[in-house]
N, C-alpha and C. Protein backbone atom coordinates (compact mmCIF):
# COMPACT_ATOMS: atom_id res chain seq x y z
N MET A 1 -18.17 25.97 62.39
CA MET A 1 -18.63 27.21 61.83
C MET A 1 -17.70 28.19 61.30
N ASP A 2 -18.02 28.88 60.16
CA ASP A 2 -17.13 29.93 59.58
C ASP A 2 -17.44 31.28 60.11
N ILE A 3 -16.32 31.72 60.04
CA ILE A 3 -15.86 33.50 60.89
C ILE A 3 -16.08 34.29 59.65
N THR A 4 -16.80 35.08 59.82
CA THR A 4 -17.08 36.42 59.01
C THR A 4 -16.22 37.62 59.67
N TRP A 5 -15.47 38.12 58.87
CA TRP A 5 -14.67 39.37 59.46
C TRP A 5 -15.47 40.60 58.87
N LYS A 6 -15.51 41.51 60.07
CA LYS A 6 -16.32 42.58 59.87
C LYS A 6 -15.47 43.79 59.97
N ARG A 7 -15.62 45.06 59.13
CA ARG A 7 -15.12 46.12 59.45
C ARG A 7 -13.48 46.30 59.17
N GLY A 8 -12.93 45.22 58.52
CA GLY A 8 -11.53 45.39 58.31
C GLY A 8 -11.13 46.00 56.85
N SER A 9 -9.99 45.99 56.60
CA SER A 9 -9.47 46.40 55.42
C SER A 9 -8.10 45.76 54.83
N LYS A 10 -8.25 45.43 53.22
CA LYS A 10 -6.98 45.11 52.79
C LYS A 10 -5.79 45.66 52.86
N ILE A 11 -4.71 44.66 53.14
CA ILE A 11 -3.24 45.24 53.12
C ILE A 11 -2.38 44.73 52.41
N ASP A 12 -1.26 45.36 51.74
CA ASP A 12 -0.49 44.74 50.85
C ASP A 12 0.35 43.87 51.52
N GLU A 13 0.98 42.98 51.15
CA GLU A 13 1.96 42.21 51.44
C GLU A 13 3.40 42.78 52.22
N SER A 14 3.65 44.03 51.45
CA SER A 14 4.73 44.75 51.91
C SER A 14 4.61 45.14 53.35
N ILE A 15 3.54 45.21 53.83
CA ILE A 15 3.03 45.70 55.09
C ILE A 15 3.46 44.51 56.08
N ILE A 16 3.05 43.38 56.02
CA ILE A 16 3.13 42.20 56.74
C ILE A 16 4.75 41.97 57.06
N LYS A 17 5.34 42.04 55.43
CA LYS A 17 6.79 41.87 55.73
C LYS A 17 7.67 42.99 56.76
N GLU A 18 7.08 44.29 56.59
CA GLU A 18 7.71 45.42 57.50
C GLU A 18 7.38 45.11 58.98
N VAL A 19 6.14 44.49 59.53
CA VAL A 19 6.14 44.15 60.60
C VAL A 19 7.20 42.94 61.03
N GLU A 20 7.34 41.82 60.13
CA GLU A 20 7.96 40.70 60.39
C GLU A 20 9.23 41.10 60.47
N THR A 21 9.67 42.05 59.77
CA THR A 21 11.16 42.49 59.61
C THR A 21 11.49 43.24 61.11
N THR A 22 10.64 44.31 61.39
CA THR A 22 10.58 45.05 62.55
C THR A 22 10.75 44.44 63.67
N PHE A 23 10.01 43.34 64.01
CA PHE A 23 10.06 42.31 65.11
C PHE A 23 11.12 41.09 64.96
N GLY A 24 11.57 41.13 63.90
CA GLY A 24 12.41 39.81 63.70
C GLY A 24 11.70 38.62 63.90
N VAL A 25 10.37 38.64 63.23
CA VAL A 25 9.74 36.97 63.47
C VAL A 25 9.40 36.71 61.91
N THR A 26 8.50 35.68 61.80
CA THR A 26 7.89 35.11 60.82
C THR A 26 6.49 34.93 61.28
N LEU A 27 5.55 35.64 60.80
CA LEU A 27 4.30 35.24 61.37
C LEU A 27 3.45 33.87 60.49
N PRO A 28 2.74 33.48 61.36
CA PRO A 28 2.35 32.40 60.65
C PRO A 28 1.30 32.43 59.41
N ASN A 29 1.19 31.81 58.44
CA ASN A 29 0.97 31.69 57.30
C ASN A 29 -0.75 31.63 57.15
N ALA A 30 -1.38 30.98 58.08
CA ALA A 30 -2.80 31.27 58.43
C ALA A 30 -3.26 32.43 58.78
N TYR A 31 -2.38 33.14 59.66
CA TYR A 31 -2.65 34.36 60.10
C TYR A 31 -2.60 35.13 59.06
N LYS A 32 -1.46 35.22 58.46
CA LYS A 32 -1.09 36.10 57.37
C LYS A 32 -2.27 36.11 56.04
N SER A 33 -2.69 35.03 55.75
CA SER A 33 -3.97 34.74 54.77
C SER A 33 -5.08 35.34 55.03
N ILE A 34 -5.35 35.62 56.69
CA ILE A 34 -6.26 36.22 57.24
C ILE A 34 -6.17 37.94 56.90
N VAL A 35 -5.11 38.11 57.97
CA VAL A 35 -4.76 39.61 57.99
C VAL A 35 -4.66 40.25 56.57
N ILE A 36 -4.16 39.74 55.70
CA ILE A 36 -4.02 40.33 54.56
C ILE A 36 -5.28 41.13 53.85
N GLU A 37 -6.41 40.19 54.15
CA GLU A 37 -7.87 40.60 53.86
C GLU A 37 -8.66 41.47 54.63
N ASN A 38 -8.09 41.08 56.07
CA ASN A 38 -9.09 41.84 56.91
C ASN A 38 -8.28 42.15 58.09
N ASN A 39 -7.42 43.34 57.68
CA ASN A 39 -6.56 43.95 58.77
C ASN A 39 -7.39 44.78 59.45
N ASN A 40 -7.50 44.61 60.85
CA ASN A 40 -8.30 45.47 61.69
C ASN A 40 -9.45 45.03 62.03
N ALA A 41 -9.71 43.89 61.74
CA ALA A 41 -11.42 43.13 61.53
C ALA A 41 -11.51 42.66 62.89
N ARG A 42 -13.10 42.68 63.00
CA ARG A 42 -13.80 41.72 64.02
C ARG A 42 -14.23 40.71 63.66
N PRO A 43 -13.94 39.58 64.57
CA PRO A 43 -14.55 38.26 64.25
C PRO A 43 -16.27 38.17 64.43
N SER A 44 -16.98 37.41 63.64
CA SER A 44 -18.25 37.26 63.97
C SER A 44 -18.22 36.19 65.04
N ILE A 45 -17.22 35.23 65.26
CA ILE A 45 -17.25 34.28 66.48
C ILE A 45 -16.02 34.79 67.48
N PHE A 46 -16.46 35.11 68.42
CA PHE A 46 -15.59 35.93 69.25
C PHE A 46 -15.17 35.27 70.65
N THR A 47 -15.83 34.25 70.95
CA THR A 47 -15.41 33.71 72.38
C THR A 47 -14.39 32.73 72.58
N PHE A 48 -13.69 32.79 73.42
CA PHE A 48 -12.55 31.66 73.49
C PHE A 48 -12.28 31.63 75.06
N ASP A 49 -11.80 30.16 75.15
CA ASP A 49 -11.26 29.64 76.36
C ASP A 49 -9.57 29.74 76.46
N THR A 50 -9.09 30.05 77.54
CA THR A 50 -7.69 29.35 77.71
C THR A 50 -7.56 28.35 78.74
N GLU A 51 -6.28 27.69 78.86
CA GLU A 51 -6.23 26.37 79.56
C GLU A 51 -6.68 26.63 81.05
N SER A 52 -6.74 27.84 81.45
CA SER A 52 -7.15 27.88 82.93
C SER A 52 -8.36 28.71 83.28
N SER A 53 -8.91 29.31 82.11
CA SER A 53 -10.06 30.26 82.44
C SER A 53 -11.13 30.03 80.99
N ARG A 54 -12.32 30.40 81.15
CA ARG A 54 -13.30 30.56 80.24
C ARG A 54 -13.97 31.69 79.61
N GLU A 55 -14.50 31.80 78.47
CA GLU A 55 -15.13 32.93 78.16
C GLU A 55 -14.54 34.17 77.84
N HIS A 56 -13.54 34.16 77.10
CA HIS A 56 -13.06 35.67 76.78
C HIS A 56 -13.57 36.06 75.41
N VAL A 57 -13.29 37.42 75.31
CA VAL A 57 -13.68 38.02 74.03
C VAL A 57 -12.80 38.39 73.20
N PHE A 58 -12.47 38.13 72.06
CA PHE A 58 -11.80 38.29 70.78
C PHE A 58 -12.55 39.51 70.53
N LYS A 59 -11.88 40.85 70.68
CA LYS A 59 -12.27 41.86 69.98
C LYS A 59 -12.14 42.19 68.44
N LYS A 60 -10.81 42.13 68.34
CA LYS A 60 -10.46 42.50 66.96
C LYS A 60 -9.10 42.07 66.48
N LEU A 61 -8.83 41.77 65.50
CA LEU A 61 -7.14 41.94 65.01
C LEU A 61 -6.51 43.28 65.18
N LEU A 62 -5.49 43.24 65.70
CA LEU A 62 -4.52 44.70 65.74
C LEU A 62 -4.20 44.96 64.14
N SER A 63 -4.45 46.28 64.03
CA SER A 63 -3.86 46.68 62.57
C SER A 63 -2.23 46.65 62.47
N LEU A 64 -1.91 46.12 61.30
CA LEU A 64 -0.66 46.25 60.99
C LEU A 64 0.13 47.53 60.31
N LYS A 65 -1.13 48.38 60.09
CA LYS A 65 -0.73 49.94 59.71
C LYS A 65 -0.46 50.77 60.84
N LYS A 66 0.79 51.20 60.74
CA LYS A 66 1.23 52.08 62.05
C LYS A 66 0.49 53.33 62.24
N GLU A 67 -0.60 53.72 61.36
CA GLU A 67 -1.08 55.00 61.40
C GLU A 67 -2.62 54.74 62.19
N ASP A 68 -2.99 53.54 62.27
CA ASP A 68 -4.12 53.28 63.01
C ASP A 68 -4.16 53.41 64.25
N ILE A 69 -5.27 53.33 65.11
CA ILE A 69 -5.44 53.86 66.38
C ILE A 69 -4.75 52.42 67.18
N GLU A 70 -5.42 51.09 67.16
CA GLU A 70 -5.10 49.99 67.72
C GLU A 70 -4.25 49.17 67.04
N THR A 71 -2.80 49.39 67.19
CA THR A 71 -1.87 48.70 66.07
C THR A 71 -1.08 47.58 66.75
N ILE A 72 -0.29 46.51 66.17
CA ILE A 72 0.53 45.62 66.60
C ILE A 72 1.82 46.50 67.11
N TYR A 73 1.97 47.65 66.77
CA TYR A 73 3.29 48.43 67.05
C TYR A 73 3.07 48.93 68.45
N LYS A 74 1.69 49.44 68.65
CA LYS A 74 1.66 50.04 70.17
C LYS A 74 1.63 48.80 71.15
N ALA A 75 0.83 47.92 70.86
CA ALA A 75 0.86 46.82 71.64
C ALA A 75 2.15 46.09 72.11
N LYS A 76 2.89 45.96 71.19
CA LYS A 76 4.41 45.30 71.18
C LYS A 76 5.09 46.44 72.07
N LYS A 77 4.85 47.49 72.28
CA LYS A 77 5.57 48.41 72.71
C LYS A 77 5.48 48.09 74.20
N VAL A 78 4.29 47.91 74.66
CA VAL A 78 3.90 47.64 76.10
C VAL A 78 4.19 46.12 76.61
N LEU A 79 3.90 44.94 75.65
CA LEU A 79 4.55 43.73 75.62
C LEU A 79 5.82 43.63 75.90
N SER A 80 6.84 44.38 74.86
CA SER A 80 8.27 44.05 75.14
C SER A 80 8.86 44.41 76.46
N LYS A 81 8.18 45.08 77.34
CA LYS A 81 8.66 45.43 78.94
C LYS A 81 8.52 44.40 79.59
N ILE A 82 7.61 43.44 79.44
CA ILE A 82 7.27 42.37 79.90
C ILE A 82 7.83 41.00 79.66
N ASP A 83 7.43 40.71 78.13
CA ASP A 83 8.19 39.35 77.58
C ASP A 83 8.40 39.75 76.16
N ASN A 84 9.49 39.96 75.58
CA ASN A 84 9.82 40.21 74.30
C ASN A 84 9.71 39.38 73.35
N THR A 85 9.19 38.04 73.73
CA THR A 85 8.97 37.03 72.90
C THR A 85 7.67 36.86 72.29
N LEU A 86 6.65 37.75 72.96
CA LEU A 86 5.43 37.84 72.52
C LEU A 86 5.12 38.66 71.40
N ILE A 87 4.14 38.26 70.70
CA ILE A 87 3.96 39.15 69.54
C ILE A 87 2.43 39.06 69.34
N PRO A 88 1.82 40.43 69.51
CA PRO A 88 0.31 40.65 69.69
C PRO A 88 -0.25 40.65 68.52
N PHE A 89 -1.57 39.83 68.25
CA PHE A 89 -2.37 39.99 67.08
C PHE A 89 -3.38 40.52 67.01
N ALA A 90 -4.07 40.46 68.37
CA ALA A 90 -5.60 40.70 68.71
C ALA A 90 -5.48 41.23 70.01
N ASN A 91 -6.83 41.98 70.34
CA ASN A 91 -7.21 42.35 71.82
C ASN A 91 -8.60 42.30 71.96
N ASP A 92 -8.65 42.19 73.42
CA ASP A 92 -9.78 42.21 73.90
C ASP A 92 -10.47 43.54 74.37
N PRO A 93 -11.80 43.73 74.87
CA PRO A 93 -12.31 44.76 75.16
C PRO A 93 -11.74 45.64 76.20
N ALA A 94 -11.02 44.63 77.24
CA ALA A 94 -10.40 45.30 78.56
C ALA A 94 -8.77 45.66 78.62
N GLY A 95 -8.42 45.70 77.19
CA GLY A 95 -6.92 45.72 77.16
C GLY A 95 -5.89 44.98 77.51
N ASN A 96 -6.40 43.54 77.15
CA ASN A 96 -5.72 42.22 77.41
C ASN A 96 -5.02 41.93 75.57
N TYR A 97 -4.35 41.13 75.39
CA TYR A 97 -3.81 40.78 74.22
C TYR A 97 -3.72 39.39 74.00
N LEU A 98 -4.28 38.86 72.74
CA LEU A 98 -4.02 37.61 72.29
C LEU A 98 -2.69 37.63 71.52
N CYS A 99 -1.68 36.80 71.73
CA CYS A 99 -0.36 36.86 71.17
C CYS A 99 0.30 35.50 70.58
N PHE A 100 1.35 35.64 69.82
CA PHE A 100 1.92 34.52 69.20
C PHE A 100 2.98 34.35 70.25
N LYS A 101 3.42 33.25 70.87
CA LYS A 101 4.57 32.93 71.34
C LYS A 101 5.13 31.74 71.09
N GLY A 102 6.13 31.90 70.06
CA GLY A 102 6.71 31.06 69.15
C GLY A 102 5.39 30.48 68.26
N ASP A 103 5.15 29.24 68.16
CA ASP A 103 3.92 28.85 67.33
C ASP A 103 2.57 28.80 68.06
N SER A 104 2.66 28.97 69.29
CA SER A 104 1.60 28.99 70.16
C SER A 104 0.71 30.26 70.27
N VAL A 105 -0.52 30.30 70.65
CA VAL A 105 -1.49 31.46 70.75
C VAL A 105 -1.49 31.38 72.22
N VAL A 106 -1.35 32.63 72.95
CA VAL A 106 -1.61 32.99 74.21
C VAL A 106 -2.25 34.04 74.66
N TYR A 107 -2.76 34.08 75.81
CA TYR A 107 -3.69 35.34 76.10
C TYR A 107 -2.77 35.99 77.38
N TRP A 108 -2.49 37.39 77.31
CA TRP A 108 -1.77 38.03 78.22
C TRP A 108 -2.72 39.06 78.85
N LEU A 109 -2.97 38.97 80.14
CA LEU A 109 -3.74 40.00 81.09
C LEU A 109 -2.84 40.89 81.91
N HIS A 110 -3.46 42.17 81.38
CA HIS A 110 -2.42 43.48 81.92
C HIS A 110 -3.05 43.42 83.37
N GLU A 111 -3.70 43.05 84.08
CA GLU A 111 -4.16 43.21 85.44
C GLU A 111 -2.98 42.59 86.31
N ASP A 112 -2.38 41.52 85.84
CA ASP A 112 -1.47 40.65 86.62
C ASP A 112 -0.08 40.38 85.70
N ASN A 113 -0.09 40.68 84.65
CA ASN A 113 0.83 40.16 83.65
C ASN A 113 0.96 38.73 83.60
N SER A 114 0.05 38.17 83.66
CA SER A 114 -0.19 36.72 83.48
C SER A 114 -0.28 36.37 82.23
N ILE A 115 0.18 35.00 81.64
CA ILE A 115 -0.08 34.72 80.30
C ILE A 115 -0.57 33.37 80.53
N SER A 116 -1.40 33.14 79.59
CA SER A 116 -2.08 31.64 79.59
C SER A 116 -2.39 31.10 78.36
N LYS A 117 -2.06 30.02 78.11
CA LYS A 117 -2.26 29.26 76.85
C LYS A 117 -3.42 29.04 76.38
N VAL A 118 -3.65 29.50 75.03
CA VAL A 118 -5.16 29.29 74.20
C VAL A 118 -4.84 28.20 73.35
N ALA A 119 -4.19 28.03 72.69
CA ALA A 119 -3.88 27.06 71.41
C ALA A 119 -2.40 26.87 70.98
N ASN A 120 -2.05 25.62 70.37
CA ASN A 120 -0.76 25.35 69.87
C ASN A 120 -0.62 26.09 68.51
N SER A 121 -1.45 26.74 67.84
CA SER A 121 -1.31 27.39 66.67
C SER A 121 -2.53 28.10 66.43
N PHE A 122 -2.49 29.19 65.42
CA PHE A 122 -3.54 30.37 64.86
C PHE A 122 -4.35 29.37 64.39
N THR A 123 -4.25 28.27 63.75
CA THR A 123 -5.39 27.36 63.06
C THR A 123 -6.25 27.13 64.05
N GLU A 124 -5.61 26.14 65.09
CA GLU A 124 -6.23 25.98 66.18
C GLU A 124 -6.89 26.55 66.86
N PHE A 125 -6.57 28.09 66.85
CA PHE A 125 -7.33 29.02 67.84
C PHE A 125 -8.40 29.38 67.35
N LEU A 126 -8.66 29.66 66.20
CA LEU A 126 -9.66 30.08 65.24
C LEU A 126 -10.53 28.55 65.24
N ALA A 127 -10.19 27.49 65.36
CA ALA A 127 -11.01 26.44 65.56
C ALA A 127 -11.83 26.23 66.68
N LYS A 128 -11.10 26.86 67.72
CA LYS A 128 -11.60 26.75 69.00
C LYS A 128 -12.78 27.81 69.42
N LEU A 129 -12.94 28.81 68.41
CA LEU A 129 -13.61 29.88 68.78
C LEU A 129 -15.10 29.68 69.02
N TYR A 130 -16.03 30.25 69.86
CA TYR A 130 -17.32 29.89 69.70
C TYR A 130 -18.18 31.06 70.01
């Protein structure tokens, strides 16, 4: 099933480069190809499971623009106090984050600072959405 991205905006590659430079990371190419066309967008298919729990909600991609409300910068500020290797890219309605941890996608829960693996890559994560 194909994902349709709603209410997003296009961004320039320079914005992605700024995020990568700021956090000292290289974001996955599959993610970059989606976020460049769909920054801050909501997916049409949004339910996912972790290795230990089921039926979580993918609310939207975090914005890479500093001036927006829900941004990768604000989320990273919260997460850097917990695990500086987490790079947030999306949120859920409850204030939790989907993050890159190395090549993997993980789910961080703010209630107990727990981290659960979701997928081995961003591409695998998208394929697991239902």
